Amino acid sequence: MRIVIHNMVTGQYLGEGGRWVEKLAEARDFQQASHVLQYTSTHPMSNIEMTYVFPDKIYNFNLPLGKRAPMPQESQAKHQTCP
């Protein structure tokens, strides 16, 4: 199992050296949830989730972390009225 940081907006993963990468295989493995929490406490980010990655991807799951900026469609939805 691997534990990585995933950007929910761009779809990218946090790689080594703090750079964002497209491929899950290139994502930094934090190995423990506490390491992710420690990293994100000193490197604030928005729209991220901690992703648990298993050899069989049907078992993968995500836990949202930190602040979430409104998505463009959410901003528009707030200003619409129901008929």
PDB file of N, CA and C in Angstrom:
ATOM      1  N   MET A   1       0.847  -1.185   0.000  1.00  0.00           N
ATOM      2  CA  MET A   1       0.000   0.000   0.000  1.00  0.00           C
ATOM      3  C   MET A   1       0.886   1.240   0.000  1.00  0.00           C
ATOM      4  N   ARG A   2       0.406   2.254  -0.725  1.00  0.00           N
ATOM      5  CA  ARG A   2       1.074   3.561  -0.759  1.00  0.00           C
ATOM      6  C   ARG A   2       0.081   4.609  -0.294  1.00  0.00           C
ATOM      7  N   ILE A   3       0.594   5.714   0.222  1.00  0.00           N
ATOM      8  CA  ILE A   3      -0.247   6.850   0.605  1.00  0.00           C
ATOM      9  C   ILE A   3       0.316   8.080  -0.100  1.00  0.00           C
ATOM     10  N   VAL A   4      -0.523   8.715  -0.922  1.00  0.00           N
ATOM     11  CA  VAL A   4      -0.079   9.848  -1.732  1.00  0.00           C
ATOM     12  C   VAL A   4      -1.032  11.032  -1.549  1.00  0.00           C
ATOM     13  N   ILE A   5      -0.593  12.193  -2.023  1.00  0.00           N
ATOM     14  CA  ILE A   5      -1.429  13.396  -2.017  1.00  0.00           C
ATOM     15  C   ILE A   5      -1.899  13.649  -3.443  1.00  0.00           C
ATOM     16  N   HIS A   6      -3.211  13.819  -3.595  1.00  0.00           N
ATOM     17  CA  HIS A   6      -3.842  14.006  -4.902  1.00  0.00           C
ATOM     18  C   HIS A   6      -4.540  15.364  -4.934  1.00  0.00           C
ATOM     19  N   ASN A   7      -4.343  16.122  -5.999  1.00  0.00           N
ATOM     20  CA  ASN A   7      -5.038  17.391  -6.178  1.00  0.00           C
ATOM     21  C   ASN A   7      -6.356  17.105  -6.886  1.00  0.00           C
ATOM     22  N   MET A   8      -7.472  17.395  -6.231  1.00  0.00           N
ATOM     23  CA  MET A   8      -8.794  17.074  -6.766  1.00  0.00           C
ATOM     24  C   MET A   8      -9.177  17.927  -7.972  1.00  0.00           C
ATOM     25  N   VAL A   9      -8.557  19.085  -8.150  1.00  0.00           N
ATOM     26  CA  VAL A   9      -8.894  19.966  -9.264  1.00  0.00           C
ATOM     27  C   VAL A   9      -8.086  19.608 -10.511  1.00  0.00           C
ATOM     28  N   THR A  10      -6.774  19.458 -10.345  1.00  0.00           N
ATOM     29  CA  THR A  10      -5.915  19.208 -11.506  1.00  0.00           C
ATOM     30  C   THR A  10      -5.780  17.722 -11.825  1.00  0.00           C
ATOM     31  N   GLY A  11      -6.050  16.868 -10.838  1.00  0.00           N
ATOM     32  CA  GLY A  11      -5.872  15.434 -11.030  1.00  0.00           C
ATOM     33  C   GLY A  11      -4.429  14.983 -10.860  1.00  0.00           C
ATOM     34  N   GLN A  12      -3.558  15.913 -10.513  1.00  0.00           N
ATOM     35  CA  GLN A  12      -2.143  15.586 -10.356  1.00  0.00           C
ATOM     36  C   GLN A  12      -1.860  15.049  -8.955  1.00  0.00           C
ATOM     37  N   TYR A  13      -0.671  14.453  -8.825  1.00  0.00           N
ATOM     38  CA  TYR A  13      -0.205  13.896  -7.559  1.00  0.00           C
ATOM     39  C   TYR A  13       1.058  14.631  -7.139  1.00  0.00           C
ATOM     40  N   LEU A  14       1.264  14.732  -5.831  1.00  0.00           N
ATOM     41  CA  LEU A  14       2.479  15.372  -5.336  1.00  0.00           C
ATOM     42  C   LEU A  14       3.636  14.402  -5.504  1.00  0.00           C
ATOM     43  N   GLY A  15       4.670  14.850  -6.209  1.00  0.00           N
ATOM     44  CA  GLY A  15       5.849  14.032  -6.440  1.00  0.00           C
ATOM     45  C   GLY A  15       6.985  14.435  -5.520  1.00  0.00           C
ATOM     46  N   GLU A  16       8.118  13.822  -5.729  1.00  0.00           N
ATOM     47  CA  GLU A  16       9.311  14.151  -4.947  1.00  0.00           C
ATOM     48  C   GLU A  16       9.702  15.608  -5.189  1.00  0.00           C
ATOM     49  N   GLY A  17      10.235  16.232  -4.172  1.00  0.00           N
ATOM     50  CA  GLY A  17      10.686  17.615  -4.290  1.00  0.00           C
ATOM     51  C   GLY A  17       9.570  18.633  -4.352  1.00  0.00           C
ATOM     52  N   GLY A  18       8.338  18.210  -4.044  1.00  0.00           N
ATOM     53  CA  GLY A  18       7.219  19.146  -4.015  1.00  0.00           C
ATOM     54  C   GLY A  18       6.663  19.515  -5.370  1.00  0.00           C
ATOM     55  N   ARG A  19       7.045  18.812  -6.416  1.00  0.00           N
ATOM     56  CA  ARG A  19       6.506  19.115  -7.745  1.00  0.00           C
ATOM     57  C   ARG A  19       5.302  18.212  -8.010  1.00  0.00           C
ATOM     58  N   TRP A  20       4.378  18.713  -8.823  1.00  0.00           N
ATOM     59  CA  TRP A  20       3.172  17.966  -9.160  1.00  0.00           C
ATOM     60  C   TRP A  20       3.430  17.129 -10.403  1.00  0.00           C
ATOM     61  N   VAL A  21       2.972  15.888 -10.380  1.00  0.00           N
ATOM     62  CA  VAL A  21       3.181  14.955 -11.487  1.00  0.00           C
ATOM     63  C   VAL A  21       1.837  14.410 -11.960  1.00  0.00           C
ATOM     64  N   GLU A  22       1.794  13.994 -13.204  1.00  0.00           N
ATOM     65  CA  GLU A  22       0.557  13.474 -13.794  1.00  0.00           C
ATOM     66  C   GLU A  22       0.295  12.013 -13.425  1.00  0.00           C
ATOM     67  N   LYS A  23       1.351  11.228 -13.303  1.00  0.00           N
ATOM     68  CA  LYS A  23       1.213   9.786 -13.137  1.00  0.00           C
ATOM     69  C   LYS A  23       1.276   9.367 -11.669  1.00  0.00           C
ATOM     70  N   LEU A  24       0.350   8.523 -11.290  1.00  0.00           N
ATOM     71  CA  LEU A  24       0.321   7.990  -9.933  1.00  0.00           C
ATOM     72  C   LEU A  24       1.621   7.276  -9.590  1.00  0.00           C
ATOM     73  N   ALA A  25       2.187   6.587 -10.553  1.00  0.00           N
ATOM     74  CA  ALA A  25       3.434   5.850 -10.327  1.00  0.00           C
ATOM     75  C   ALA A  25       4.586   6.771  -9.915  1.00  0.00           C
ATOM     76  N   GLU A  26       4.499   8.061 -10.274  1.00  0.00           N
ATOM     77  CA  GLU A  26       5.557   9.025  -9.948  1.00  0.00           C
ATOM     78  C   GLU A  26       5.279   9.792  -8.656  1.00  0.00           C
ATOM     79  N   ALA A  27       4.162   9.518  -8.021  1.00  0.00           N
ATOM     80  CA  ALA A  27       3.789  10.238  -6.799  1.00  0.00           C
ATOM     81  C   ALA A  27       4.679   9.834  -5.633  1.00  0.00           C
ATOM     82  N   ARG A  28       4.924  10.788  -4.772  1.00  0.00           N
ATOM     83  CA  ARG A  28       5.687  10.525  -3.550  1.00  0.00           C
ATOM     84  C   ARG A  28       4.867   9.628  -2.629  1.00  0.00           C
ATOM     85  N   ASP A  29       5.477   8.588  -2.091  1.00  0.00           N
ATOM     86  CA  ASP A  29       4.827   7.688  -1.145  1.00  0.00           C
ATOM     87  C   ASP A  29       5.145   8.161   0.266  1.00  0.00           C
ATOM     88  N   PHE A  30       4.115   8.617   0.974  1.00  0.00           N
ATOM     89  CA  PHE A  30       4.315   9.105   2.339  1.00  0.00           C
ATOM     90  C   PHE A  30       4.339   7.978   3.367  1.00  0.00           C
ATOM     91  N   GLN A  31       3.935   6.787   2.991  1.00  0.00           N
ATOM     92  CA  GLN A  31       3.974   5.566   3.788  1.00  0.00           C
ATOM     93  C   GLN A  31       3.031   5.540   4.984  1.00  0.00           C
ATOM     94  N   GLN A  32       2.790   6.665   5.612  1.00  0.00           N
ATOM     95  CA  GLN A  32       1.888   6.727   6.767  1.00  0.00           C
ATOM     96  C   GLN A  32       1.033   7.989   6.681  1.00  0.00           C
ATOM     97  N   ALA A  33      -0.208   7.886   7.143  1.00  0.00           N
ATOM     98  CA  ALA A  33      -1.110   9.042   7.145  1.00  0.00           C
ATOM     99  C   ALA A  33      -0.527  10.190   7.963  1.00  0.00           C
ATOM    100  N   SER A  34       0.129   9.868   9.057  1.00  0.00           N
ATOM    101  CA  SER A  34       0.709  10.917   9.907  1.00  0.00           C
ATOM    102  C   SER A  34       1.770  11.720   9.157  1.00  0.00           C
ATOM    103  N   HIS A  35       2.472  11.094   8.218  1.00  0.00           N
ATOM    104  CA  HIS A  35       3.464  11.827   7.422  1.00  0.00           C
ATOM    105  C   HIS A  35       2.791  12.805   6.473  1.00  0.00           C
ATOM    106  N   VAL A  36       1.643  12.421   5.913  1.00  0.00           N
ATOM    107  CA  VAL A  36       0.878  13.323   5.056  1.00  0.00           C
ATOM    108  C   VAL A  36       0.394  14.517   5.878  1.00  0.00           C
ATOM    109  N   LEU A  37      -0.161  14.243   7.052  1.00  0.00           N
ATOM    110  CA  LEU A  37      -0.683  15.322   7.901  1.00  0.00           C
ATOM    111  C   LEU A  37       0.429  16.266   8.339  1.00  0.00           C
ATOM    112  N   GLN A  38       1.583  15.711   8.651  1.00  0.00           N
ATOM    113  CA  GLN A  38       2.724  16.544   9.034  1.00  0.00           C
ATOM    114  C   GLN A  38       3.176  17.414   7.857  1.00  0.00           C
ATOM    115  N   TYR A  39       3.253  16.830   6.668  1.00  0.00           N
ATOM    116  CA  TYR A  39       3.673  17.579   5.477  1.00  0.00           C
ATOM    117  C   TYR A  39       2.686  18.700   5.166  1.00  0.00           C
ATOM    118  N   THR A  40       1.405  18.394   5.184  1.00  0.00           N
ATOM    119  CA  THR A  40       0.408  19.403   4.823  1.00  0.00           C
ATOM    120  C   THR A  40       0.268  20.485   5.894  1.00  0.00           C
ATOM    121  N   SER A  41       0.689  20.205   7.115  1.00  0.00           N
ATOM    122  CA  SER A  41       0.630  21.250   8.146  1.00  0.00           C
ATOM    123  C   SER A  41       1.707  22.313   7.917  1.00  0.00           C
ATOM    124  N   THR A  42       2.787  21.951   7.226  1.00  0.00           N
ATOM    125  CA  THR A  42       3.857  22.917   6.948  1.00  0.00           C
ATOM    126  C   THR A  42       3.854  23.394   5.491  1.00  0.00           C
ATOM    127  N   HIS A  43       3.036  22.766   4.654  1.00  0.00           N
ATOM    128  CA  HIS A  43       2.897  23.142   3.245  1.00  0.00           C
ATOM    129  C   HIS A  43       1.397  23.252   2.933  1.00  0.00           C
ATOM    130  N   PRO A  44       0.758  24.356   3.334  1.00  0.00           N
ATOM    131  CA  PRO A  44      -0.692  24.479   3.131  1.00  0.00           C
ATOM    132  C   PRO A  44      -1.082  24.365   1.655  1.00  0.00           C
ATOM    133  N   MET A  45      -2.119  23.597   1.406  1.00  0.00           N
ATOM    134  CA  MET A  45      -2.626  23.385   0.049  1.00  0.00           C
ATOM    135  C   MET A  45      -4.145  23.336   0.100  1.00  0.00           C
ATOM    136  N   SER A  46      -4.768  23.621  -1.025  1.00  0.00           N
ATOM    137  CA  SER A  46      -6.222  23.527  -1.141  1.00  0.00           C
ATOM    138  C   SER A  46      -6.574  22.417  -2.116  1.00  0.00           C
ATOM    139  N   ASN A  47      -7.783  21.910  -1.981  1.00  0.00           N
ATOM    140  CA  ASN A  47      -8.330  20.922  -2.920  1.00  0.00           C
ATOM    141  C   ASN A  47      -7.482  19.653  -3.020  1.00  0.00           C
ATOM    142  N   ILE A  48      -7.024  19.177  -1.881  1.00  0.00           N
ATOM    143  CA  ILE A  48      -6.224  17.954  -1.906  1.00  0.00           C
ATOM    144  C   ILE A  48      -6.909  16.860  -1.110  1.00  0.00           C
ATOM    145  N   GLU A  49      -6.483  15.646  -1.395  1.00  0.00           N
ATOM    146  CA  GLU A  49      -6.951  14.498  -0.649  1.00  0.00           C
ATOM    147  C   GLU A  49      -5.794  13.524  -0.479  1.00  0.00           C
ATOM    148  N   MET A  50      -5.865  12.781   0.618  1.00  0.00           N
ATOM    149  CA  MET A  50      -4.910  11.720   0.865  1.00  0.00           C
ATOM    150  C   MET A  50      -5.488  10.467   0.208  1.00  0.00           C
ATOM    151  N   THR A  51      -4.709   9.855  -0.663  1.00  0.00           N
ATOM    152  CA  THR A  51      -5.181   8.682  -1.389  1.00  0.00           C
ATOM    153  C   THR A  51      -4.393   7.458  -0.950  1.00  0.00           C
ATOM    154  N   TYR A  52      -5.133   6.444  -0.524  1.00  0.00           N
ATOM    155  CA  TYR A  52      -4.546   5.149  -0.188  1.00  0.00           C
ATOM    156  C   TYR A  52      -4.573   4.313  -1.462  1.00  0.00           C
ATOM    157  N   VAL A  53      -3.412   3.857  -1.888  1.00  0.00           N
ATOM    158  CA  VAL A  53      -3.271   3.144  -3.158  1.00  0.00           C
ATOM    159  C   VAL A  53      -2.843   1.702  -2.866  1.00  0.00           C
ATOM    160  N   PHE A  54      -3.666   0.776  -3.323  1.00  0.00           N
ATOM    161  CA  PHE A  54      -3.415  -0.648  -3.122  1.00  0.00           C
ATOM    162  C   PHE A  54      -3.057  -1.313  -4.453  1.00  0.00           C
ATOM    163  N   PRO A  55      -2.415  -2.483  -4.407  1.00  0.00           N
ATOM    164  CA  PRO A  55      -2.086  -3.174  -5.659  1.00  0.00           C
ATOM    165  C   PRO A  55      -3.312  -3.403  -6.549  1.00  0.00           C
ATOM    166  N   ASP A  56      -4.445  -3.710  -5.943  1.00  0.00           N
ATOM    167  CA  ASP A  56      -5.691  -3.843  -6.701  1.00  0.00           C
ATOM    168  C   ASP A  56      -6.472  -2.546  -6.505  1.00  0.00           C
ATOM    169  N   LYS A  57      -6.564  -1.722  -7.551  1.00  0.00           N
ATOM    170  CA  LYS A  57      -7.113  -0.368  -7.418  1.00  0.00           C
ATOM    171  C   LYS A  57      -8.563  -0.316  -6.955  1.00  0.00           C
ATOM    172  N   ILE A  58      -9.288  -1.409  -6.973  1.00  0.00           N
ATOM    173  CA  ILE A  58     -10.676  -1.362  -6.483  1.00  0.00           C
ATOM    174  C   ILE A  58     -10.731  -1.068  -4.989  1.00  0.00           C
ATOM    175  N   TYR A  59      -9.603  -1.248  -4.297  1.00  0.00           N
ATOM    176  CA  TYR A  59      -9.553  -0.979  -2.859  1.00  0.00           C
ATOM    177  C   TYR A  59      -9.063   0.427  -2.535  1.00  0.00           C
ATOM    178  N   ASN A  60      -8.631   1.198  -3.532  1.00  0.00           N
ATOM    179  CA  ASN A  60      -8.155   2.567  -3.299  1.00  0.00           C
ATOM    180  C   ASN A  60      -9.275   3.421  -2.705  1.00  0.00           C
ATOM    181  N   PHE A  61      -8.897   4.336  -1.831  1.00  0.00           N
ATOM    182  CA  PHE A  61      -9.878   5.292  -1.318  1.00  0.00           C
ATOM    183  C   PHE A  61      -9.196   6.615  -1.009  1.00  0.00           C
ATOM    184  N   ASN A  62     -10.014   7.684  -0.937  1.00  0.00           N
ATOM    185  CA  ASN A  62      -9.534   9.050  -0.744  1.00  0.00           C
ATOM    186  C   ASN A  62     -10.136   9.660   0.510  1.00  0.00           C
ATOM    187  N   LEU A  63      -9.327  10.482   1.173  1.00  0.00           N
ATOM    188  CA  LEU A  63      -9.796  11.254   2.325  1.00  0.00           C
ATOM    189  C   LEU A  63      -9.487  12.722   2.063  1.00  0.00           C
ATOM    190  N   PRO A  64     -10.512  13.565   1.873  1.00  0.00           N
ATOM    191  CA  PRO A  64     -10.265  14.996   1.633  1.00  0.00           C
ATOM    192  C   PRO A  64      -9.541  15.637   2.813  1.00  0.00           C
ATOM    193  N   LEU A  65      -8.637  16.564   2.500  1.00  0.00           N
ATOM    194  CA  LEU A  65      -7.854  17.264   3.517  1.00  0.00           C
ATOM    195  C   LEU A  65      -7.914  18.767   3.289  1.00  0.00           C
ATOM    196  N   GLY A  66      -7.739  19.516   4.342  1.00  0.00           N
ATOM    197  CA  GLY A  66      -7.573  20.954   4.242  1.00  0.00           C
ATOM    198  C   GLY A  66      -8.745  21.692   3.644  1.00  0.00           C
ATOM    199  N   LYS A  67      -8.440  22.909   3.195  1.00  0.00           N
ATOM    200  CA  LYS A  67      -9.464  23.777   2.619  1.00  0.00           C
ATOM    201  C   LYS A  67      -9.788  23.350   1.200  1.00  0.00           C
ATOM    202  N   ARG A  68     -11.032  23.574   0.843  1.00  0.00           N
ATOM    203  CA  ARG A  68     -11.474  23.276  -0.513  1.00  0.00           C
ATOM    204  C   ARG A  68     -12.016  24.554  -1.115  1.00  0.00           C
ATOM    205  N   ALA A  69     -11.379  25.018  -2.166  1.00  0.00           N
ATOM    206  CA  ALA A  69     -11.849  26.208  -2.863  1.00  0.00           C
ATOM    207  C   ALA A  69     -13.081  25.827  -3.674  1.00  0.00           C
ATOM    208  N   PRO A  70     -14.048  26.741  -3.816  1.00  0.00           N
ATOM    209  CA  PRO A  70     -15.246  26.411  -4.599  1.00  0.00           C
ATOM    210  C   PRO A  70     -14.891  26.101  -6.043  1.00  0.00           C
ATOM    211  N   MET A  71     -15.516  25.088  -6.559  1.00  0.00           N
ATOM    212  CA  MET A  71     -15.350  24.732  -7.962  1.00  0.00           C
ATOM    213  C   MET A  71     -16.187  25.712  -8.778  1.00  0.00           C
ATOM    214  N   PRO A  72     -15.832  25.988 -10.030  1.00  0.00           N
ATOM    215  CA  PRO A  72     -16.588  26.962 -10.830  1.00  0.00           C
ATOM    216  C   PRO A  72     -18.089  26.670 -10.877  1.00  0.00           C
ATOM    217  N   GLN A  73     -18.485  25.424 -11.031  1.00  0.00           N
ATOM    218  CA  GLN A  73     -19.908  25.110 -11.106  1.00  0.00           C
ATOM    219  C   GLN A  73     -20.603  25.341  -9.759  1.00  0.00           C
ATOM    220  N   GLU A  74     -19.882  25.205  -8.639  1.00  0.00           N
ATOM    221  CA  GLU A  74     -20.464  25.466  -7.323  1.00  0.00           C
ATOM    222  C   GLU A  74     -20.737  26.953  -7.141  1.00  0.00           C
ATOM    223  N   SER A  75     -19.832  27.789  -7.616  1.00  0.00           N
ATOM    224  CA  SER A  75     -20.013  29.231  -7.502  1.00  0.00           C
ATOM    225  C   SER A  75     -21.250  29.681  -8.263  1.00  0.00           C
ATOM    226  N   GLN A  76     -21.455  29.123  -9.447  1.00  0.00           N
ATOM    227  CA  GLN A  76     -22.610  29.477 -10.252  1.00  0.00           C
ATOM    228  C   GLN A  76     -23.893  28.965  -9.611  1.00  0.00           C
ATOM    229  N   ALA A  77     -23.828  27.775  -9.026  1.00  0.00           N
ATOM    230  CA  ALA A  77     -25.028  27.178  -8.425  1.00  0.00           C
ATOM    231  C   ALA A  77     -25.552  28.016  -7.265  1.00  0.00           C
ATOM    232  N   LYS A  78     -24.678  28.683  -6.544  1.00  0.00           N
ATOM    233  CA  LYS A  78     -25.092  29.503  -5.408  1.00  0.00           C
ATOM    234  C   LYS A  78     -25.937  30.689  -5.846  1.00  0.00           C
ATOM    235  N   HIS A  79     -25.758  31.128  -7.076  1.00  0.00           N
ATOM    236  CA  HIS A  79     -26.450  32.312  -7.565  1.00  0.00           C
ATOM    237  C   HIS A  79     -27.694  31.995  -8.380  1.00  0.00           C
ATOM    238  N   GLN A  80     -27.984  30.720  -8.544  1.00  0.00           N
ATOM    239  CA  GLN A  80     -29.172  30.341  -9.285  1.00  0.00           C
ATOM    240  C   GLN A  80     -30.335  30.155  -8.312  1.00  0.00           C
ATOM    241  N   THR A  81     -31.512  30.413  -8.785  1.00  0.00           N
ATOM    242  CA  THR A  81     -32.703  30.211  -7.970  1.00  0.00           C
ATOM    243  C   THR A  81     -33.504  29.057  -8.517  1.00  0.00           C
ATOM    244  N   CYS A  82     -34.195  28.397  -7.646  1.00  0.00           N
ATOM    245  CA  CYS A  82     -35.045  27.280  -8.070  1.00  0.00           C
ATOM    246  C   CYS A  82     -36.388  27.813  -8.546  1.00  0.00           C
ATOM    247  N   PRO A  83     -36.984  27.199  -9.580  1.00  0.00           N
ATOM    248  CA  PRO A  83     -38.271  27.673 -10.078  1.00  0.00           C
ATOM    249  C   PRO A  83     -39.390  27.404  -9.091  1.00  0.00           C
TER     250      PRO A  83
END
